[in-house]
Protein backbone atom coordinates (compact mmCIF):
# COMPACT_ATOMS: atom_id res chain seq x y z
CA UNK A 1 170.35 -82.07 109.64
CA UNK A 2 169.18 -83.08 113.05
CA UNK A 3 169.72 -86.22 114.97
CA UNK A 4 166.97 -87.09 117.04
CA UNK A 5 167.47 -89.25 120.30
CA UNK A 6 164.70 -91.82 121.40
CA UNK A 7 164.85 -93.87 124.35
CA UNK A 8 163.78 -97.62 124.24
CA UNK A 9 163.47 -99.15 127.25
CA UNK A 10 164.53 -103.27 126.79
CA UNK A 11 162.79 -105.81 128.92
CA UNK A 12 164.20 -109.28 128.45
CA UNK A 13 167.14 -108.99 126.07
CA UNK A 14 169.88 -110.81 127.98
CA UNK A 15 167.37 -113.99 126.36
CA UNK A 16 168.97 -115.62 123.38
CA UNK A 17 166.51 -114.04 120.85
CA UNK A 18 166.19 -110.35 122.75
CA UNK A 19 170.37 -110.77 122.51
CA UNK A 20 171.09 -111.58 119.04
CA UNK A 21 168.07 -110.48 117.11
CA UNK A 22 166.96 -107.48 119.46
CA UNK A 23 169.83 -106.05 120.50
CA UNK A 24 172.80 -106.97 118.64
CA UNK A 25 171.44 -107.55 114.84
CA UNK A 26 168.76 -104.77 115.29
CA UNK A 27 169.59 -102.00 117.51
CA UNK A 28 173.39 -101.89 117.77
CA UNK A 29 173.42 -102.20 113.95
CA UNK A 30 171.02 -99.32 113.45
CA UNK A 31 173.02 -97.24 116.13
CA UNK A 32 176.19 -98.27 114.17
CA UNK A 33 175.00 -97.71 110.51
CA UNK A 34 174.54 -93.80 112.09
CA UNK A 35 170.91 -94.09 112.77
CA UNK A 36 167.68 -94.58 111.21
CA UNK A 37 167.54 -92.18 107.80
CA UNK A 38 164.21 -90.08 107.90
CA UNK A 39 162.19 -88.70 104.69
CA UNK A 40 163.43 -85.26 105.34
CA UNK A 41 166.88 -86.16 105.84
CA UNK A 42 166.97 -85.87 109.73
CA UNK A 43 168.12 -89.34 111.40
CA UNK A 44 166.61 -91.30 114.29
CA UNK A 45 168.85 -92.53 116.67
CA UNK A 46 167.82 -95.31 119.04
CA UNK A 47 169.21 -94.72 123.27
CA UNK A 48 168.72 -98.15 124.76
CA UNK A 49 168.29 -99.31 128.37
CA UNK A 50 169.31 -102.96 128.89
CA UNK A 51 166.57 -103.74 131.51
CA UNK A 52 166.30 -107.34 133.72
CA UNK A 53 166.84 -109.16 136.79
CA UNK A 54 170.64 -110.27 136.99
CA UNK A 55 172.88 -106.88 137.31
CA UNK A 56 175.91 -108.60 136.35
CA UNK A 57 174.58 -109.93 132.76
CA UNK A 58 173.27 -106.77 132.39
CA UNK A 59 176.16 -104.93 133.19
CA UNK A 60 178.30 -107.46 130.78
CA UNK A 61 176.03 -106.94 127.72
CA UNK A 62 175.58 -103.35 127.86
CA UNK A 63 180.01 -103.17 127.93
CA UNK A 64 180.42 -105.76 124.94
CA UNK A 65 177.90 -103.59 122.62
CA UNK A 66 178.76 -100.42 123.86
CA UNK A 67 175.81 -99.29 125.58
CA UNK A 68 175.83 -97.37 128.57
CA UNK A 69 172.48 -97.83 129.85
CA UNK A 70 171.22 -100.52 131.87
CA UNK A 71 169.05 -101.26 135.12
CA UNK A 72 167.35 -103.64 137.32
CA UNK A 73 164.57 -101.09 138.18
CA UNK A 74 162.00 -101.12 135.21
CA UNK A 75 159.72 -98.54 137.26
CA UNK A 76 162.40 -96.01 137.37
CA UNK A 77 162.78 -96.58 133.49
CA UNK A 78 159.18 -95.79 133.07
CA UNK A 79 159.36 -92.94 134.93
CA UNK A 80 162.19 -91.47 132.87
CA UNK A 81 160.56 -89.16 130.00
CA UNK A 82 163.24 -89.72 127.86
CA UNK A 83 162.72 -93.86 127.33
CA UNK A 84 159.69 -93.39 124.67
CA UNK A 85 159.10 -96.66 123.96
CA UNK A 86 159.10 -99.92 125.91
CA UNK A 87 160.01 -103.24 124.29
CA UNK A 88 159.43 -106.70 125.74
CA UNK A 89 160.95 -109.92 124.94
CA UNK A 90 160.65 -111.62 128.06
CA UNK A 91 159.03 -115.34 128.63
CA UNK A 92 155.79 -114.51 127.80
CA UNK A 93 153.90 -115.54 131.03
CA UNK A 94 155.61 -111.86 132.07
CA UNK A 95 154.93 -110.08 129.40
CA UNK A 96 151.43 -108.81 129.82
CA UNK A 97 152.06 -107.33 132.87
CA UNK A 98 155.29 -105.41 131.35
CA UNK A 99 153.06 -104.09 128.72
CA UNK A 100 150.33 -102.98 131.34
CA UNK A 101 152.48 -101.12 133.38
CA UNK A 102 154.42 -99.11 130.01
CA UNK A 103 151.03 -98.58 128.88
CA UNK A 104 150.01 -96.72 131.86
CA UNK A 105 152.86 -94.90 131.91
CA UNK A 106 152.29 -93.75 128.78
CA UNK A 107 155.03 -95.42 126.49
CA UNK A 108 154.42 -97.12 123.30
CA UNK A 109 154.56 -100.81 123.49
CA UNK A 110 156.97 -102.72 121.05
CA UNK A 111 156.82 -106.66 121.87
CA UNK A 112 157.43 -109.95 120.98
CA UNK A 113 154.88 -112.97 120.35
CA UNK A 114 152.78 -114.36 121.53
CA UNK A 115 151.72 -111.11 123.52
CA UNK A 116 150.08 -113.20 126.11
CA UNK A 117 148.96 -116.79 127.03
CA UNK A 118 145.73 -116.01 125.99
CA UNK A 119 143.78 -114.44 123.24
CA UNK A 120 141.04 -112.99 126.11
CA UNK A 121 144.40 -111.38 127.82
CA UNK A 122 145.70 -110.37 124.02
CA UNK A 123 142.97 -108.51 123.49
CA UNK A 124 142.90 -106.32 126.70
CA UNK A 125 146.41 -105.40 125.64
CA UNK A 126 145.27 -104.36 122.68
CA UNK A 127 142.22 -102.37 123.72
CA UNK A 128 144.35 -100.95 126.94
CA UNK A 129 146.81 -99.29 124.22
CA UNK A 130 144.14 -97.90 122.17
CA UNK A 131 142.42 -96.54 125.19
CA UNK A 132 145.69 -95.20 126.06
CA UNK A 133 146.35 -93.43 122.70
CA UNK A 134 150.15 -95.05 123.02
CA UNK A 135 151.66 -96.73 119.25
CA UNK A 136 151.74 -100.47 119.78
CA UNK A 137 153.53 -103.12 117.27
CA UNK A 138 154.10 -106.84 117.48
CA UNK A 139 157.05 -108.57 116.23
CA UNK A 140 156.44 -110.34 112.88
CA UNK A 141 160.03 -110.90 111.72
CA UNK A 142 159.21 -113.33 109.09
CA UNK A 143 157.58 -111.09 106.84
CA UNK A 144 160.80 -109.12 106.00
CA UNK A 145 163.03 -112.72 105.30
CA UNK A 146 164.62 -112.56 101.69
CA UNK A 147 162.47 -115.59 100.82
CA UNK A 148 159.33 -114.08 101.50
CA UNK A 149 159.47 -111.28 100.37
CA UNK A 150 160.04 -112.64 97.17
CA UNK A 151 157.43 -114.99 97.19
CA UNK A 152 155.25 -111.92 97.70
CA UNK A 153 157.08 -110.53 95.30
CA UNK A 154 155.46 -113.52 92.82
CA UNK A 155 151.93 -113.02 94.77
CA UNK A 156 151.58 -108.96 93.98
CA UNK A 157 152.52 -110.16 90.37
CA UNK A 158 150.12 -112.20 89.48
CA UNK A 159 152.83 -115.20 88.92
CA UNK A 160 150.23 -118.31 90.49
CA UNK A 161 147.11 -117.07 88.78
CA UNK A 162 144.79 -118.45 90.92
CA UNK A 163 146.49 -119.87 94.10
CA UNK A 164 144.95 -123.40 95.06
CA UNK A 165 147.34 -124.84 98.05
CA UNK A 166 150.28 -123.82 100.25
CA UNK A 167 152.47 -126.37 101.91
CA UNK A 168 154.61 -125.63 104.78
CA UNK A 169 157.51 -127.77 106.71
CA UNK A 170 159.06 -125.85 109.52
CA UNK A 171 161.16 -127.58 112.24
CA UNK A 172 164.73 -129.25 112.89
CA UNK A 173 165.96 -132.07 115.48
CA UNK A 174 166.27 -130.02 119.06
CA UNK A 175 168.93 -132.28 121.07
CA UNK A 176 167.37 -133.86 124.27
CA UNK A 177 170.31 -132.24 126.22
CA UNK A 178 172.00 -135.42 127.56
CA UNK A 179 174.54 -136.00 124.23
CA UNK A 180 174.47 -132.64 123.56
CA UNK A 181 173.10 -129.64 125.07
CA UNK A 182 169.55 -128.45 123.55
CA UNK A 183 169.18 -125.19 121.36
CA UNK A 184 166.27 -124.03 122.78
CA UNK A 185 165.61 -123.24 126.45
CA UNK A 186 164.11 -125.76 128.66
CA UNK A 187 160.90 -124.13 129.01
CA UNK A 188 159.46 -124.33 125.46
CA UNK A 189 158.69 -128.07 126.61
CA UNK A 190 156.79 -127.50 129.84
CA UNK A 191 153.41 -126.60 129.37
CA UNK A 192 153.17 -124.99 132.94
CA UNK A 193 155.59 -122.51 131.56
CA UNK A 194 153.85 -121.07 128.73
CA UNK A 195 155.77 -124.05 126.10
CA UNK A 196 154.54 -125.51 123.42
CA UNK A 197 155.34 -125.33 119.33
CA UNK A 198 151.56 -124.44 119.10
CA UNK A 199 151.70 -121.64 121.12
CA UNK A 200 155.06 -120.33 119.71
CA UNK A 201 154.93 -121.05 116.11
CA UNK A 202 151.27 -120.51 115.14
CA UNK A 203 151.67 -117.17 116.05
CA UNK A 204 153.92 -116.95 113.12
CA UNK A 205 151.92 -119.08 110.72
CA UNK A 206 149.14 -116.62 110.93
CA UNK A 207 150.58 -113.39 109.97
CA UNK A 208 152.46 -115.37 107.51
CA UNK A 209 149.03 -116.53 106.21
CA UNK A 210 147.34 -114.11 106.46
CA UNK A 211 149.60 -111.05 104.79
CA UNK A 212 150.80 -113.55 101.95
CA UNK A 213 147.90 -115.38 100.67
CA UNK A 214 144.60 -114.64 102.57
CA UNK A 215 143.12 -114.58 106.18
CA UNK A 216 142.73 -117.80 107.89
CA UNK A 217 139.35 -118.84 108.15
CA UNK A 218 139.40 -122.23 109.97
CA UNK A 219 141.86 -124.57 111.10
CA UNK A 220 141.85 -128.70 111.87
CA UNK A 221 145.34 -129.54 114.14
CA UNK A 222 146.78 -132.57 116.02
CA UNK A 223 149.85 -131.78 118.21
CA UNK A 224 151.93 -134.57 119.81
CA UNK A 225 154.91 -134.74 122.01
CA UNK A 226 156.91 -137.04 120.59
CA UNK A 227 160.12 -136.59 123.07
CA UNK A 228 158.87 -137.14 126.13
CA UNK A 229 161.90 -136.53 128.37
CA UNK A 230 164.66 -134.02 127.99
CA UNK A 231 167.16 -132.65 130.40
CA UNK A 232 167.63 -128.79 130.94
CA UNK A 233 170.30 -125.87 131.26
CA UNK A 234 171.54 -127.43 134.08
CA UNK A 235 172.03 -130.91 133.01
CA UNK A 236 168.93 -132.26 134.95
CA UNK A 237 166.28 -134.62 133.69
CA UNK A 238 162.68 -133.33 133.45
CA UNK A 239 159.24 -134.34 131.75
CA UNK A 240 158.46 -132.87 128.81
CA UNK A 241 154.60 -131.47 128.94
CA UNK A 242 154.49 -129.60 126.04
CA UNK A 243 154.05 -130.36 122.58
CA UNK A 244 156.97 -130.45 120.38
CA UNK A 245 155.13 -131.38 116.76
CA UNK A 246 151.80 -130.10 115.53
CA UNK A 247 150.21 -131.53 111.96
CA UNK A 248 147.67 -128.64 110.98
CA UNK A 249 145.17 -127.46 107.90
CA UNK A 250 143.95 -124.53 107.30
CA UNK A 251 141.13 -122.87 105.05
CA UNK A 252 141.87 -119.28 103.81
CA UNK A 253 139.80 -116.89 102.27
CA UNK A 254 138.73 -117.83 98.56
CA UNK A 255 139.40 -121.56 99.57
CA UNK A 256 143.08 -121.65 99.53
CA UNK A 257 144.26 -125.07 101.20
CA UNK A 258 147.05 -124.94 103.55
CA UNK A 259 148.77 -128.10 105.06
CA UNK A 260 151.70 -126.99 107.55
CA UNK A 261 153.82 -129.14 109.66
CA UNK A 262 156.13 -128.04 112.73
CA UNK A 263 158.54 -130.09 114.57
CA UNK A 264 161.25 -129.85 117.32
CA UNK A 265 161.66 -133.28 116.50
CA UNK A 266 162.22 -133.64 112.71
CA UNK A 267 165.81 -134.01 110.98
CA UNK A 268 166.10 -131.66 108.23
CA UNK A 269 165.71 -133.51 104.79
CA UNK A 270 164.50 -130.31 102.69
CA UNK A 271 166.79 -127.07 101.51
CA UNK A 272 166.15 -125.08 104.75
CA UNK A 273 164.49 -125.14 108.27
CA UNK A 274 161.32 -123.56 106.87
CA UNK A 275 160.00 -124.23 103.29
CA UNK A 276 156.71 -123.01 101.73
CA UNK A 277 155.68 -124.66 98.50
CA UNK A 278 153.04 -122.73 96.90
CA UNK A 279 150.67 -123.98 94.00
CA UNK A 280 148.62 -122.26 91.35
CA UNK A 281 146.86 -122.69 88.12
CA UNK A 282 149.89 -120.92 86.40
CA UNK A 283 152.89 -121.64 87.94
CA UNK A 284 154.44 -122.72 91.61
CA UNK A 285 156.72 -121.19 93.74
CA UNK A 286 159.01 -123.12 97.01
CA UNK A 287 160.41 -120.42 99.29
CA UNK A 288 163.28 -121.07 102.30
CA UNK A 289 164.46 -118.14 104.64
CA UNK A 290 166.35 -116.43 102.00
CA UNK A 291 165.82 -118.19 98.74
CA UNK A 292 163.06 -118.86 96.15
CA UNK A 293 162.66 -120.62 93.03
CA UNK A 294 159.65 -120.69 90.57
CA UNK A 295 158.22 -123.09 88.07
CA UNK A 296 155.79 -121.93 85.43
CA UNK A 297 152.88 -123.70 83.67
CA UNK A 298 154.70 -123.17 80.26
CA UNK A 299 157.44 -124.69 81.92
CA UNK A 300 156.14 -127.85 83.70
CA UNK A 301 157.49 -131.00 82.59
CA UNK A 302 155.15 -134.21 82.34
CA UNK A 303 155.34 -136.70 85.26
CA UNK A 304 154.22 -139.89 84.77
CA UNK A 305 153.69 -142.77 87.04
CA UNK A 306 156.00 -145.88 86.49
CA UNK A 307 157.55 -147.39 89.09
CA UNK A 308 158.79 -149.99 87.06
CA UNK A 309 161.75 -147.59 85.88
CA UNK A 310 164.49 -145.37 87.01
CA UNK A 311 162.60 -141.84 87.10
CA UNK A 312 163.79 -140.23 84.09
CA UNK A 313 163.22 -136.40 84.63
CA UNK A 314 165.60 -134.33 87.26
CA UNK A 315 162.56 -132.21 88.73
CA UNK A 316 164.88 -130.03 90.97
CA UNK A 317 166.57 -128.80 87.94
CA UNK A 318 163.92 -127.61 86.11
CA UNK A 319 162.93 -125.07 88.80
CA UNK A 320 164.23 -121.61 88.14
CA UNK A 321 165.80 -118.99 90.73
CA UNK A 322 163.89 -115.72 91.96
CA UNK A 323 166.56 -113.23 91.74
CA UNK A 324 167.46 -110.86 94.65
CA UNK A 325 167.28 -107.60 92.78
CA UNK A 326 168.57 -105.91 95.88
CA UNK A 327 170.20 -106.03 98.92
CA UNK A 328 168.13 -107.80 102.24
CA UNK A 329 168.90 -106.59 105.65
CA UNK A 330 168.00 -108.66 108.92
CA UNK A 331 164.35 -108.98 109.23
CA UNK A 332 164.40 -107.80 112.85
CA UNK A 333 166.23 -104.85 112.18
CA UNK A 334 163.99 -103.74 109.15
CA UNK A 335 161.05 -104.12 111.35
CA UNK A 336 162.02 -102.24 114.31
CA UNK A 337 163.26 -99.53 111.95
CA UNK A 338 159.77 -98.89 110.46
CA UNK A 339 158.25 -99.01 113.87
CA UNK A 340 160.82 -96.29 115.11
CA UNK A 341 160.01 -93.96 112.15
CA UNK A 342 156.09 -94.41 112.80
CA UNK A 343 156.86 -92.88 116.62
CA UNK A 344 158.70 -90.67 115.53
CA UNK A 345 156.91 -89.39 112.22
CA UNK A 346 153.43 -91.86 112.48
CA UNK A 347 154.68 -93.77 109.13
CA UNK A 348 152.56 -96.56 108.45
CA UNK A 349 152.87 -99.42 110.86
CA UNK A 350 149.96 -102.11 110.48
CA UNK A 351 151.56 -105.00 112.90
CA UNK A 352 150.15 -103.74 116.08
CA UNK A 353 148.41 -105.48 118.85
CA UNK A 354 145.54 -106.41 117.37
CA UNK A 355 147.37 -108.35 114.76
CA UNK A 356 149.62 -109.69 117.28
CA UNK A 357 146.20 -111.23 119.04
CA UNK A 358 145.48 -112.63 115.85
CA UNK A 359 147.97 -115.16 116.40
CA UNK A 360 147.32 -115.59 120.20
CA UNK A 361 143.78 -116.63 118.86
CA UNK A 362 144.95 -119.05 115.98
CA UNK A 363 147.42 -120.86 118.83
CA UNK A 364 144.60 -121.06 121.14
CA UNK A 365 141.69 -122.44 118.58
CA UNK A 366 144.49 -124.79 117.19
CA UNK A 367 144.89 -126.53 120.37
CA UNK A 368 141.32 -126.65 120.86
CA UNK A 369 140.62 -128.69 117.71
CA UNK A 370 143.27 -131.03 118.89
CA UNK A 371 141.69 -131.30 122.16
CA UNK A 372 138.19 -131.93 120.42
CA UNK A 373 139.12 -133.70 117.19
CA UNK A 374 137.51 -131.52 115.06
CA UNK A 375 137.60 -128.54 112.60
CA UNK A 376 137.50 -125.08 114.55
CA UNK A 377 136.38 -121.20 112.29
CA UNK A 378 138.05 -118.65 113.43
CA UNK A 379 135.89 -115.60 113.79
CA UNK A 380 137.24 -111.64 112.52
CA UNK A 381 138.27 -110.03 115.81
CA UNK A 382 138.12 -106.65 117.01
CA UNK A 383 138.47 -104.33 119.91
């Protein structure tokens, strides 16, 4: 059995998401388990080099996680033939330039979303990658969450019959920063820095809806900036210029109607930070990040509207829990392993830069819908 080493340039991993999900819970976890097992019995071992602008931060992060390589010289990393993959989790405004340079250097591309701030730029990156013949992928982590995997199992089994509607509730209260530090970086709330919940979360909703229920055909969206003043990481007050909430309706192929609320200014009064309810002719389900519960048409109680008496039905107790039937790994790690195998032996990997561009497209059209206060059709994309 052979162990194959593959060099990965990891640009932007000093940020919260890059450190926790991509470095520690994905690449370091893969290394600790002995690499990615291949079909022929060989293993593929990731060899990361951490890249960023702050030398001390990189050095500390590398030392804490047993990583030998780090650098502040992106060009030198791109020039090293050992590094076959370029990964980018920088802020969105810096990502396109990094990806262009990596494509020009012949590196395979894996990156966070949104892939760019505009649809035109996202499509350009997809086209450049295709013309260069480099493999490419975009993080679409929510597809690999246990709750959504269980939901996909129900869809594939025909449990719902004809799916009628989907309701999504996402969000939590992000502290303003005065009494308690905010849980998200301050740039998220400044439009001029690429912030906004629509550009952030609608890239997620696009791939979730497309891959679970059907392609998005049209969108109607109302955005809002509910909290207009926050305090940054240094304790300085600043004006919020980006949307922190969005209330959207999507129409999918087959006539499925989706209502999706996204907010960083809502207190959680549900089972999870994200809940997705699917209603169909044969049954319904409610999924969170990890759990999923169902109610079949044969087990649906008779509801009668009578506000004059206490509700006699314990509705929540009538739902059945979908069993795990397996062990679920970290969602980011699962997709990392799939991309590494895609690069090494051409295993299937459908979540490419064009798929990422679809997320940018939906965000752009949702912002336009808000501005023009009307429904917007979502055209098919190609490069």
